[in-house]
């Protein structure tokens, strides 16, 4: 089991990314990832935050990431695990799971 609380961040906005046709919204991605991670890694400690890039952000590090998304350096939703980019635009579970397992997460046996 992971020994520390892993921090996951989803950056996005209510508007669906113009380049991400048929992809879920950023908030839908946040909710989907939260549910999927909880199912696959029950009782393992993680924090998942949704950061709306259109709203005021007080944390300087988060503000920097949000600005990169706003300046089209990254598509949204942008997913970070421990401040490392794991995916952008159309998010897939496999890279997210791989990152979590690299941080010590152990998947539940089905």
PDB file of N, CA and C in Angstrom:
ATOM      1  N   UNK A   1       0.843  -1.185   0.000  1.00  0.00           N
ATOM      2  CA  UNK A   1       0.000   0.000   0.000  1.00  0.00           C
ATOM      3  C   UNK A   1       0.885   1.244   0.000  1.00  0.00           C
ATOM      4  N   UNK A   2       0.405   2.285  -0.623  1.00  0.00           N
ATOM      5  CA  UNK A   2       1.143   3.543  -0.673  1.00  0.00           C
ATOM      6  C   UNK A   2       1.336   4.079   0.743  1.00  0.00           C
ATOM      7  N   UNK A   3       2.550   4.543   1.023  1.00  0.00           N
ATOM      8  CA  UNK A   3       2.856   5.017   2.358  1.00  0.00           C
ATOM      9  C   UNK A   3       2.482   6.473   2.573  1.00  0.00           C
ATOM     10  N   UNK A   4       2.407   7.245   1.516  1.00  0.00           N
ATOM     11  CA  UNK A   4       2.076   8.650   1.670  1.00  0.00           C
ATOM     12  C   UNK A   4       0.824   8.972   0.864  1.00  0.00           C
ATOM     13  N   UNK A   5       0.238  10.087   1.186  1.00  0.00           N
ATOM     14  CA  UNK A   5      -0.933  10.556   0.458  1.00  0.00           C
ATOM     15  C   UNK A   5      -0.480  11.106  -0.901  1.00  0.00           C
ATOM     16  N   UNK A   6      -0.958  10.506  -1.975  1.00  0.00           N
ATOM     17  CA  UNK A   6      -0.603  10.955  -3.320  1.00  0.00           C
ATOM     18  C   UNK A   6      -1.577  12.051  -3.741  1.00  0.00           C
ATOM     19  N   UNK A   7      -1.031  13.118  -4.312  1.00  0.00           N
ATOM     20  CA  UNK A   7      -1.848  14.268  -4.706  1.00  0.00           C
ATOM     21  C   UNK A   7      -2.086  14.256  -6.211  1.00  0.00           C
ATOM     22  N   UNK A   8      -3.356  14.254  -6.590  1.00  0.00           N
ATOM     23  CA  UNK A   8      -3.779  14.271  -7.987  1.00  0.00           C
ATOM     24  C   UNK A   8      -4.505  15.588  -8.222  1.00  0.00           C
ATOM     25  N   UNK A   9      -4.200  16.232  -9.340  1.00  0.00           N
ATOM     26  CA  UNK A   9      -4.860  17.491  -9.674  1.00  0.00           C
ATOM     27  C   UNK A   9      -5.412  17.412 -11.094  1.00  0.00           C
ATOM     28  N   UNK A  10      -6.622  17.927 -11.254  1.00  0.00           N
ATOM     29  CA  UNK A  10      -7.263  18.024 -12.555  1.00  0.00           C
ATOM     30  C   UNK A  10      -7.480  19.512 -12.829  1.00  0.00           C
ATOM     31  N   UNK A  11      -6.889  20.018 -13.894  1.00  0.00           N
ATOM     32  CA  UNK A  11      -7.061  21.413 -14.296  1.00  0.00           C
ATOM     33  C   UNK A  11      -8.001  21.465 -15.481  1.00  0.00           C
ATOM     34  N   UNK A  12      -8.973  22.369 -15.423  1.00  0.00           N
ATOM     35  CA  UNK A  12      -9.893  22.483 -16.545  1.00  0.00           C
ATOM     36  C   UNK A  12     -10.903  23.580 -16.329  1.00  0.00           C
ATOM     37  N   UNK A  13     -11.959  23.508 -17.108  1.00  0.00           N
ATOM     38  CA  UNK A  13     -13.028  24.486 -17.037  1.00  0.00           C
ATOM     39  C   UNK A  13     -14.326  23.813 -17.470  1.00  0.00           C
ATOM     40  N   UNK A  14     -15.424  24.506 -17.283  1.00  0.00           N
ATOM     41  CA  UNK A  14     -16.727  23.924 -17.623  1.00  0.00           C
ATOM     42  C   UNK A  14     -16.877  23.679 -19.117  1.00  0.00           C
ATOM     43  N   UNK A  15     -16.226  24.505 -19.924  1.00  0.00           N
ATOM     44  CA  UNK A  15     -16.332  24.382 -21.375  1.00  0.00           C
ATOM     45  C   UNK A  15     -15.472  23.206 -21.834  1.00  0.00           C
ATOM     46  N   UNK A  16     -16.019  22.359 -22.702  1.00  0.00           N
ATOM     47  CA  UNK A  16     -15.259  21.222 -23.218  1.00  0.00           C
ATOM     48  C   UNK A  16     -14.192  21.736 -24.177  1.00  0.00           C
ATOM     49  N   UNK A  17     -13.012  21.175 -24.078  1.00  0.00           N
ATOM     50  CA  UNK A  17     -11.882  21.546 -24.932  1.00  0.00           C
ATOM     51  C   UNK A  17     -12.269  21.414 -26.405  1.00  0.00           C
ATOM     52  N   UNK A  18     -12.037  22.475 -27.182  1.00  0.00           N
ATOM     53  CA  UNK A  18     -12.418  22.491 -28.599  1.00  0.00           C
ATOM     54  C   UNK A  18     -11.712  21.398 -29.393  1.00  0.00           C
ATOM     55  N   UNK A  19     -10.512  21.023 -28.982  1.00  0.00           N
ATOM     56  CA  UNK A  19      -9.755  19.987 -29.686  1.00  0.00           C
ATOM     57  C   UNK A  19     -10.103  18.579 -29.212  1.00  0.00           C
ATOM     58  N   UNK A  20     -10.981  18.482 -28.229  1.00  0.00           N
ATOM     59  CA  UNK A  20     -11.286  17.192 -27.607  1.00  0.00           C
ATOM     60  C   UNK A  20     -12.730  16.789 -27.900  1.00  0.00           C
ATOM     61  N   UNK A  21     -13.055  16.665 -29.173  1.00  0.00           N
ATOM     62  CA  UNK A  21     -14.414  16.339 -29.592  1.00  0.00           C
ATOM     63  C   UNK A  21     -14.858  15.021 -28.960  1.00  0.00           C
ATOM     64  N   UNK A  22     -16.069  15.011 -28.426  1.00  0.00           N
ATOM     65  CA  UNK A  22     -16.692  13.848 -27.782  1.00  0.00           C
ATOM     66  C   UNK A  22     -16.026  13.421 -26.477  1.00  0.00           C
ATOM     67  N   UNK A  23     -15.077  14.190 -25.981  1.00  0.00           N
ATOM     68  CA  UNK A  23     -14.452  13.872 -24.696  1.00  0.00           C
ATOM     69  C   UNK A  23     -15.326  14.433 -23.577  1.00  0.00           C
ATOM     70  N   UNK A  24     -15.254  13.825 -22.396  1.00  0.00           N
ATOM     71  CA  UNK A  24     -16.013  14.370 -21.266  1.00  0.00           C
ATOM     72  C   UNK A  24     -15.450  15.719 -20.825  1.00  0.00           C
ATOM     73  N   UNK A  25     -16.265  16.473 -20.100  1.00  0.00           N
ATOM     74  CA  UNK A  25     -15.810  17.762 -19.577  1.00  0.00           C
ATOM     75  C   UNK A  25     -14.736  17.528 -18.509  1.00  0.00           C
ATOM     76  N   UNK A  26     -14.078  18.588 -18.119  1.00  0.00           N
ATOM     77  CA  UNK A  26     -13.036  18.493 -17.087  1.00  0.00           C
ATOM     78  C   UNK A  26     -13.613  18.020 -15.763  1.00  0.00           C
ATOM     79  N   UNK A  27     -14.768  18.540 -15.373  1.00  0.00           N
ATOM     80  CA  UNK A  27     -15.385  18.134 -14.106  1.00  0.00           C
ATOM     81  C   UNK A  27     -15.858  16.682 -14.182  1.00  0.00           C
ATOM     82  N   UNK A  28     -16.360  16.261 -15.341  1.00  0.00           N
ATOM     83  CA  UNK A  28     -16.729  14.852 -15.517  1.00  0.00           C
ATOM     84  C   UNK A  28     -15.503  13.952 -15.396  1.00  0.00           C
ATOM     85  N   UNK A  29     -14.385  14.401 -15.954  1.00  0.00           N
ATOM     86  CA  UNK A  29     -13.136  13.642 -15.856  1.00  0.00           C
ATOM     87  C   UNK A  29     -12.695  13.532 -14.401  1.00  0.00           C
ATOM     88  N   UNK A  30     -12.780  14.623 -13.670  1.00  0.00           N
ATOM     89  CA  UNK A  30     -12.442  14.629 -12.242  1.00  0.00           C
ATOM     90  C   UNK A  30     -13.286  13.601 -11.477  1.00  0.00           C
ATOM     91  N   UNK A  31     -14.595  13.642 -11.682  1.00  0.00           N
ATOM     92  CA  UNK A  31     -15.497  12.715 -10.974  1.00  0.00           C
ATOM     93  C   UNK A  31     -15.237  11.270 -11.389  1.00  0.00           C
ATOM     94  N   UNK A  32     -15.012  11.047 -12.669  1.00  0.00           N
ATOM     95  CA  UNK A  32     -14.744   9.704 -13.199  1.00  0.00           C
ATOM     96  C   UNK A  32     -13.445   9.141 -12.627  1.00  0.00           C
ATOM     97  N   UNK A  33     -12.375   9.956 -12.626  1.00  0.00           N
ATOM     98  CA  UNK A  33     -11.102   9.496 -12.076  1.00  0.00           C
ATOM     99  C   UNK A  33     -11.203   9.203 -10.587  1.00  0.00           C
ATOM    100  N   UNK A  34     -11.888  10.059  -9.859  1.00  0.00           N
ATOM    101  CA  UNK A  34     -12.047   9.849  -8.420  1.00  0.00           C
ATOM    102  C   UNK A  34     -12.727   8.501  -8.154  1.00  0.00           C
ATOM    103  N   UNK A  35     -13.795   8.214  -8.889  1.00  0.00           N
ATOM    104  CA  UNK A  35     -14.522   6.952  -8.711  1.00  0.00           C
ATOM    105  C   UNK A  35     -13.664   5.762  -9.139  1.00  0.00           C
ATOM    106  N   UNK A  36     -12.997   5.864 -10.279  1.00  0.00           N
ATOM    107  CA  UNK A  36     -12.194   4.755 -10.799  1.00  0.00           C
ATOM    108  C   UNK A  36     -11.022   4.427  -9.874  1.00  0.00           C
ATOM    109  N   UNK A  37     -10.346   5.450  -9.377  1.00  0.00           N
ATOM    110  CA  UNK A  37      -9.204   5.244  -8.484  1.00  0.00           C
ATOM    111  C   UNK A  37      -9.657   4.638  -7.162  1.00  0.00           C
ATOM    112  N   UNK A  38     -10.764   5.125  -6.636  1.00  0.00           N
ATOM    113  CA  UNK A  38     -11.292   4.596  -5.375  1.00  0.00           C
ATOM    114  C   UNK A  38     -11.661   3.122  -5.511  1.00  0.00           C
ATOM    115  N   UNK A  39     -12.236   2.750  -6.649  1.00  0.00           N
ATOM    116  CA  UNK A  39     -12.601   1.342  -6.887  1.00  0.00           C
ATOM    117  C   UNK A  39     -11.371   0.457  -7.023  1.00  0.00           C
ATOM    118  N   UNK A  40     -10.385   0.900  -7.781  1.00  0.00           N
ATOM    119  CA  UNK A  40      -9.209   0.066  -8.063  1.00  0.00           C
ATOM    120  C   UNK A  40      -8.235   0.014  -6.886  1.00  0.00           C
ATOM    121  N   UNK A  41      -8.182   1.091  -6.112  1.00  0.00           N
ATOM    122  CA  UNK A  41      -7.229   1.188  -4.998  1.00  0.00           C
ATOM    123  C   UNK A  41      -7.951   1.557  -3.703  1.00  0.00           C
ATOM    124  N   UNK A  42      -8.853   0.692  -3.235  1.00  0.00           N
ATOM    125  CA  UNK A  42      -9.593   1.033  -2.009  1.00  0.00           C
ATOM    126  C   UNK A  42      -8.646   1.130  -0.809  1.00  0.00           C
ATOM    127  N   UNK A  43      -8.968   2.004   0.094  1.00  0.00           N
ATOM    128  CA  UNK A  43      -8.215   2.180   1.338  1.00  0.00           C
ATOM    129  C   UNK A  43      -6.782   2.666   1.120  1.00  0.00           C
ATOM    130  N   UNK A  44      -6.498   3.227  -0.055  1.00  0.00           N
ATOM    131  CA  UNK A  44      -5.172   3.796  -0.294  1.00  0.00           C
ATOM    132  C   UNK A  44      -5.322   5.313  -0.366  1.00  0.00           C
ATOM    133  N   UNK A  45      -4.396   5.983   0.243  1.00  0.00           N
ATOM    134  CA  UNK A  45      -4.527   7.411   0.501  1.00  0.00           C
ATOM    135  C   UNK A  45      -4.169   8.275  -0.715  1.00  0.00           C
ATOM    136  N   UNK A  46      -5.160   9.042  -1.156  1.00  0.00           N
ATOM    137  CA  UNK A  46      -4.908  10.019  -2.209  1.00  0.00           C
ATOM    138  C   UNK A  46      -5.835  11.206  -2.020  1.00  0.00           C
ATOM    139  N   UNK A  47      -5.389  12.324  -2.546  1.00  0.00           N
ATOM    140  CA  UNK A  47      -6.198  13.539  -2.578  1.00  0.00           C
ATOM    141  C   UNK A  47      -6.347  13.905  -4.039  1.00  0.00           C
ATOM    142  N   UNK A  48      -7.562  14.224  -4.445  1.00  0.00           N
ATOM    143  CA  UNK A  48      -7.788  14.644  -5.821  1.00  0.00           C
ATOM    144  C   UNK A  48      -8.482  15.999  -5.791  1.00  0.00           C
ATOM    145  N   UNK A  49      -7.908  16.948  -6.503  1.00  0.00           N
ATOM    146  CA  UNK A  49      -8.432  18.314  -6.527  1.00  0.00           C
ATOM    147  C   UNK A  49      -8.787  18.708  -7.951  1.00  0.00           C
ATOM    148  N   UNK A  50      -9.892  19.422  -8.073  1.00  0.00           N
ATOM    149  CA  UNK A  50     -10.279  20.012  -9.346  1.00  0.00           C
ATOM    150  C   UNK A  50      -9.964  21.491  -9.279  1.00  0.00           C
ATOM    151  N   UNK A  51      -9.185  21.972 -10.226  1.00  0.00           N
ATOM    152  CA  UNK A  51      -8.818  23.386 -10.263  1.00  0.00           C
ATOM    153  C   UNK A  51      -9.429  23.986 -11.527  1.00  0.00           C
ATOM    154  N   UNK A  52     -10.389  24.886 -11.332  1.00  0.00           N
ATOM    155  CA  UNK A  52     -11.048  25.556 -12.457  1.00  0.00           C
ATOM    156  C   UNK A  52     -10.152  26.705 -12.905  1.00  0.00           C
ATOM    157  N   UNK A  53      -9.639  26.609 -14.125  1.00  0.00           N
ATOM    158  CA  UNK A  53      -8.683  27.611 -14.620  1.00  0.00           C
ATOM    159  C   UNK A  53      -9.324  28.962 -14.901  1.00  0.00           C
ATOM    160  N   UNK A  54     -10.658  29.010 -14.877  1.00  0.00           N
ATOM    161  CA  UNK A  54     -11.366  30.269 -15.119  1.00  0.00           C
ATOM    162  C   UNK A  54     -11.669  31.013 -13.811  1.00  0.00           C
ATOM    163  N   UNK A  55     -11.375  30.394 -12.687  1.00  0.00           N
ATOM    164  CA  UNK A  55     -11.647  30.986 -11.377  1.00  0.00           C
ATOM    165  C   UNK A  55     -10.338  31.479 -10.755  1.00  0.00           C
ATOM    166  N   UNK A  56     -10.423  32.430  -9.804  1.00  0.00           N
ATOM    167  CA  UNK A  56      -9.199  32.883  -9.121  1.00  0.00           C
ATOM    168  C   UNK A  56      -8.517  31.723  -8.385  1.00  0.00           C
ATOM    169  N   UNK A  57      -7.207  31.665  -8.482  1.00  0.00           N
ATOM    170  CA  UNK A  57      -6.411  30.609  -7.848  1.00  0.00           C
ATOM    171  C   UNK A  57      -5.379  31.285  -6.957  1.00  0.00           C
ATOM    172  N   UNK A  58      -5.326  30.898  -5.701  1.00  0.00           N
ATOM    173  CA  UNK A  58      -4.400  31.527  -4.755  1.00  0.00           C
ATOM    174  C   UNK A  58      -3.044  30.840  -4.702  1.00  0.00           C
ATOM    175  N   UNK A  59      -3.005  29.531  -4.895  1.00  0.00           N
ATOM    176  CA  UNK A  59      -1.759  28.775  -4.828  1.00  0.00           C
ATOM    177  C   UNK A  59      -0.905  29.107  -6.071  1.00  0.00           C
ATOM    178  N   UNK A  60       0.322  29.586  -5.852  1.00  0.00           N
ATOM    179  CA  UNK A  60       1.168  30.020  -6.971  1.00  0.00           C
ATOM    180  C   UNK A  60       1.511  28.881  -7.930  1.00  0.00           C
ATOM    181  N   UNK A  61       1.797  27.699  -7.416  1.00  0.00           N
ATOM    182  CA  UNK A  61       2.127  26.562  -8.282  1.00  0.00           C
ATOM    183  C   UNK A  61       0.932  26.194  -9.151  1.00  0.00           C
ATOM    184  N   UNK A  62      -0.249  26.132  -8.543  1.00  0.00           N
ATOM    185  CA  UNK A  62      -1.462  25.826  -9.305  1.00  0.00           C
ATOM    186  C   UNK A  62      -1.764  26.935 -10.308  1.00  0.00           C
ATOM    187  N   UNK A  63      -1.514  28.167  -9.924  1.00  0.00           N
ATOM    188  CA  UNK A  63      -1.725  29.304 -10.824  1.00  0.00           C
ATOM    189  C   UNK A  63      -0.831  29.168 -12.057  1.00  0.00           C
ATOM    190  N   UNK A  64       0.424  28.729 -11.848  1.00  0.00           N
ATOM    191  CA  UNK A  64       1.359  28.547 -12.968  1.00  0.00           C
ATOM    192  C   UNK A  64       0.856  27.467 -13.930  1.00  0.00           C
ATOM    193  N   UNK A  65       0.378  26.339 -13.391  1.00  0.00           N
ATOM    194  CA  UNK A  65      -0.163  25.274 -14.247  1.00  0.00           C
ATOM    195  C   UNK A  65      -1.401  25.761 -14.993  1.00  0.00           C
ATOM    196  N   UNK A  66      -2.281  26.463 -14.300  1.00  0.00           N
ATOM    197  CA  UNK A  66      -3.499  26.976 -14.932  1.00  0.00           C
ATOM    198  C   UNK A  66      -3.152  27.933 -16.071  1.00  0.00           C
ATOM    199  N   UNK A  67      -2.152  28.759 -15.866  1.00  0.00           N
ATOM    200  CA  UNK A  67      -1.742  29.702 -16.906  1.00  0.00           C
ATOM    201  C   UNK A  67      -1.217  28.954 -18.133  1.00  0.00           C
ATOM    202  N   UNK A  68      -0.485  27.875 -17.916  1.00  0.00           N
ATOM    203  CA  UNK A  68       0.016  27.073 -19.044  1.00  0.00           C
ATOM    204  C   UNK A  68      -1.138  26.498 -19.857  1.00  0.00           C
ATOM    205  N   UNK A  69      -2.184  26.082 -19.176  1.00  0.00           N
ATOM    206  CA  UNK A  69      -3.364  25.559 -19.881  1.00  0.00           C
ATOM    207  C   UNK A  69      -4.053  26.695 -20.640  1.00  0.00           C
ATOM    208  N   UNK A  70      -4.216  27.823 -19.992  1.00  0.00           N
ATOM    209  CA  UNK A  70      -4.865  28.970 -20.637  1.00  0.00           C
ATOM    210  C   UNK A  70      -4.091  29.461 -21.854  1.00  0.00           C
ATOM    211  N   UNK A  71      -2.777  29.303 -21.830  1.00  0.00           N
ATOM    212  CA  UNK A  71      -1.933  29.742 -22.941  1.00  0.00           C
ATOM    213  C   UNK A  71      -1.734  28.636 -23.982  1.00  0.00           C
ATOM    214  N   UNK A  72      -2.546  27.579 -23.880  1.00  0.00           N
ATOM    215  CA  UNK A  72      -2.540  26.459 -24.836  1.00  0.00           C
ATOM    216  C   UNK A  72      -1.243  25.663 -24.861  1.00  0.00           C
ATOM    217  N   UNK A  73      -0.478  25.725 -23.779  1.00  0.00           N
ATOM    218  CA  UNK A  73       0.696  24.862 -23.680  1.00  0.00           C
ATOM    219  C   UNK A  73       0.243  23.420 -23.434  1.00  0.00           C
ATOM    220  N   UNK A  74      -0.906  23.268 -22.764  1.00  0.00           N
ATOM    221  CA  UNK A  74      -1.527  21.967 -22.513  1.00  0.00           C
ATOM    222  C   UNK A  74      -3.006  22.057 -22.843  1.00  0.00           C
ATOM    223  N   UNK A  75      -3.571  20.919 -23.277  1.00  0.00           N
ATOM    224  CA  UNK A  75      -5.023  20.822 -23.432  1.00  0.00           C
ATOM    225  C   UNK A  75      -5.622  20.556 -22.057  1.00  0.00           C
ATOM    226  N   UNK A  76      -6.898  20.855 -21.910  1.00  0.00           N
ATOM    227  CA  UNK A  76      -7.572  20.492 -20.667  1.00  0.00           C
ATOM    228  C   UNK A  76      -8.638  19.472 -20.964  1.00  0.00           C
ATOM    229  N   UNK A  77      -8.971  18.617 -20.023  1.00  0.00           N
ATOM    230  CA  UNK A  77      -8.406  18.589 -18.676  1.00  0.00           C
ATOM    231  C   UNK A  77      -6.938  18.145 -18.685  1.00  0.00           C
ATOM    232  N   UNK A  78      -6.190  18.740 -17.786  1.00  0.00           N
ATOM    233  CA  UNK A  78      -4.797  18.383 -17.560  1.00  0.00           C
ATOM    234  C   UNK A  78      -4.750  17.622 -16.242  1.00  0.00           C
ATOM    235  N   UNK A  79      -4.139  16.438 -16.248  1.00  0.00           N
ATOM    236  CA  UNK A  79      -4.058  15.606 -15.040  1.00  0.00           C
ATOM    237  C   UNK A  79      -2.608  15.529 -14.579  1.00  0.00           C
ATOM    238  N   UNK A  80      -2.404  15.895 -13.312  1.00  0.00           N
ATOM    239  CA  UNK A  80      -1.085  15.792 -12.683  1.00  0.00           C
ATOM    240  C   UNK A  80      -1.165  14.810 -11.528  1.00  0.00           C
ATOM    241  N   UNK A  81      -0.126  14.005 -11.365  1.00  0.00           N
ATOM    242  CA  UNK A  81       0.033  13.180 -10.171  1.00  0.00           C
ATOM    243  C   UNK A  81       1.361  13.598  -9.562  1.00  0.00           C
ATOM    244  N   UNK A  82       1.300  14.097  -8.345  1.00  0.00           N
ATOM    245  CA  UNK A  82       2.501  14.586  -7.655  1.00  0.00           C
ATOM    246  C   UNK A  82       3.263  15.576  -8.533  1.00  0.00           C
ATOM    247  N   UNK A  83       2.518  16.518  -9.138  1.00  0.00           N
ATOM    248  CA  UNK A  83       3.067  17.609  -9.936  1.00  0.00           C
ATOM    249  C   UNK A  83       3.729  17.144 -11.237  1.00  0.00           C
ATOM    250  N   UNK A  84       3.414  15.937 -11.691  1.00  0.00           N
ATOM    251  CA  UNK A  84       3.921  15.411 -12.959  1.00  0.00           C
ATOM    252  C   UNK A  84       2.749  15.236 -13.923  1.00  0.00           C
ATOM    253  N   UNK A  85       2.903  15.720 -15.143  1.00  0.00           N
ATOM    254  CA  UNK A  85       1.839  15.585 -16.145  1.00  0.00           C
ATOM    255  C   UNK A  85       1.667  14.122 -16.516  1.00  0.00           C
ATOM    256  N   UNK A  86       0.415  13.636 -16.361  1.00  0.00           N
ATOM    257  CA  UNK A  86       0.093  12.248 -16.681  1.00  0.00           C
ATOM    258  C   UNK A  86      -0.777  12.178 -17.927  1.00  0.00           C
ATOM    259  N   UNK A  87      -1.566  13.201 -18.172  1.00  0.00           N
ATOM    260  CA  UNK A  87      -2.408  13.209 -19.359  1.00  0.00           C
ATOM    261  C   UNK A  87      -3.020  14.579 -19.574  1.00  0.00           C
ATOM    262  N   UNK A  88      -3.453  14.812 -20.806  1.00  0.00           N
ATOM    263  CA  UNK A  88      -4.125  16.063 -21.139  1.00  0.00           C
ATOM    264  C   UNK A  88      -5.114  15.796 -22.258  1.00  0.00           C
ATOM    265  N   UNK A  89      -6.177  16.572 -22.256  1.00  0.00           N
ATOM    266  CA  UNK A  89      -7.204  16.407 -23.292  1.00  0.00           C
ATOM    267  C   UNK A  89      -8.062  15.195 -23.023  1.00  0.00           C
ATOM    268  N   UNK A  90      -7.903  14.169 -23.823  1.00  0.00           N
ATOM    269  CA  UNK A  90      -8.673  12.938 -23.652  1.00  0.00           C
ATOM    270  C   UNK A  90      -7.893  12.023 -22.706  1.00  0.00           C
ATOM    271  N   UNK A  91      -8.367  11.893 -21.474  1.00  0.00           N
ATOM    272  CA  UNK A  91      -7.636  11.184 -20.418  1.00  0.00           C
ATOM    273  C   UNK A  91      -7.940   9.689 -20.461  1.00  0.00           C
ATOM    274  N   UNK A  92      -6.887   8.886 -20.305  1.00  0.00           N
ATOM    275  CA  UNK A  92      -7.030   7.440 -20.255  1.00  0.00           C
ATOM    276  C   UNK A  92      -6.570   6.943 -18.889  1.00  0.00           C
ATOM    277  N   UNK A  93      -7.188   5.856 -18.436  1.00  0.00           N
ATOM    278  CA  UNK A  93      -6.888   5.336 -17.101  1.00  0.00           C
ATOM    279  C   UNK A  93      -5.504   4.702 -16.987  1.00  0.00           C
ATOM    280  N   UNK A  94      -5.052   4.018 -18.009  1.00  0.00           N
ATOM    281  CA  UNK A  94      -3.814   3.244 -17.914  1.00  0.00           C
ATOM    282  C   UNK A  94      -2.612   4.084 -17.440  1.00  0.00           C
ATOM    283  N   UNK A  95      -2.357   5.265 -18.018  1.00  0.00           N
ATOM    284  CA  UNK A  95      -1.222   6.062 -17.518  1.00  0.00           C
ATOM    285  C   UNK A  95      -1.430   6.572 -16.089  1.00  0.00           C
ATOM    286  N   UNK A  96      -2.673   6.861 -15.728  1.00  0.00           N
ATOM    287  CA  UNK A  96      -2.963   7.309 -14.363  1.00  0.00           C
ATOM    288  C   UNK A  96      -2.661   6.173 -13.388  1.00  0.00           C
ATOM    289  N   UNK A  97      -3.168   4.978 -13.703  1.00  0.00           N
ATOM    290  CA  UNK A  97      -2.908   3.812 -12.846  1.00  0.00           C
ATOM    291  C   UNK A  97      -1.410   3.517 -12.756  1.00  0.00           C
ATOM    292  N   UNK A  98      -0.702   3.595 -13.870  1.00  0.00           N
ATOM    293  CA  UNK A  98       0.742   3.327 -13.873  1.00  0.00           C
ATOM    294  C   UNK A  98       1.471   4.307 -12.954  1.00  0.00           C
ATOM    295  N   UNK A  99       1.078   5.564 -12.995  1.00  0.00           N
ATOM    296  CA  UNK A  99       1.702   6.566 -12.135  1.00  0.00           C
ATOM    297  C   UNK A  99       1.421   6.280 -10.659  1.00  0.00           C
ATOM    298  N   UNK A 100       0.170   5.938 -10.356  1.00  0.00           N
ATOM    299  CA  UNK A 100      -0.180   5.632  -8.964  1.00  0.00           C
ATOM    300  C   UNK A 100       0.595   4.422  -8.462  1.00  0.00           C
ATOM    301  N   UNK A 101       0.721   3.397  -9.307  1.00  0.00           N
ATOM    302  CA  UNK A 101       1.458   2.198  -8.899  1.00  0.00           C
ATOM    303  C   UNK A 101       2.942   2.492  -8.738  1.00  0.00           C
ATOM    304  N   UNK A 102       3.475   3.430  -9.518  1.00  0.00           N
ATOM    305  CA  UNK A 102       4.868   3.860  -9.337  1.00  0.00           C
ATOM    306  C   UNK A 102       5.049   4.559  -7.991  1.00  0.00           C
ATOM    307  N   UNK A 103       3.953   5.111  -7.448  1.00  0.00           N
ATOM    308  CA  UNK A 103       3.977   5.745  -6.128  1.00  0.00           C
ATOM    309  C   UNK A 103       3.590   4.763  -5.021  1.00  0.00           C
ATOM    310  N   UNK A 104       3.529   3.480  -5.345  1.00  0.00           N
ATOM    311  CA  UNK A 104       3.303   2.461  -4.323  1.00  0.00           C
ATOM    312  C   UNK A 104       1.892   1.941  -4.194  1.00  0.00           C
ATOM    313  N   UNK A 105       0.976   2.389  -5.042  1.00  0.00           N
ATOM    314  CA  UNK A 105      -0.397   1.882  -4.962  1.00  0.00           C
ATOM    315  C   UNK A 105      -0.428   0.428  -5.417  1.00  0.00           C
ATOM    316  N   UNK A 106      -1.261  -0.360  -4.763  1.00  0.00           N
ATOM    317  CA  UNK A 106      -1.446  -1.775  -5.095  1.00  0.00           C
ATOM    318  C   UNK A 106      -2.903  -1.966  -5.484  1.00  0.00           C
ATOM    319  N   UNK A 107      -3.154  -2.461  -6.725  1.00  0.00           N
ATOM    320  CA  UNK A 107      -4.541  -2.626  -7.161  1.00  0.00           C
ATOM    321  C   UNK A 107      -5.265  -3.709  -6.373  1.00  0.00           C
ATOM    322  N   UNK A 108      -6.563  -3.491  -6.220  1.00  0.00           N
ATOM    323  CA  UNK A 108      -7.421  -4.474  -5.561  1.00  0.00           C
ATOM    324  C   UNK A 108      -7.534  -5.699  -6.458  1.00  0.00           C
ATOM    325  N   UNK A 109      -7.492  -6.870  -5.860  1.00  0.00           N
ATOM    326  CA  UNK A 109      -7.694  -8.103  -6.620  1.00  0.00           C
ATOM    327  C   UNK A 109      -9.172  -8.295  -6.871  1.00  0.00           C
ATOM    328  N   UNK A 110      -9.539  -8.454  -8.145  1.00  0.00           N
ATOM    329  CA  UNK A 110     -10.957  -8.651  -8.486  1.00  0.00           C
ATOM    330  C   UNK A 110     -11.359 -10.097  -8.366  1.00  0.00           C
TER     331      UNK A 110
END
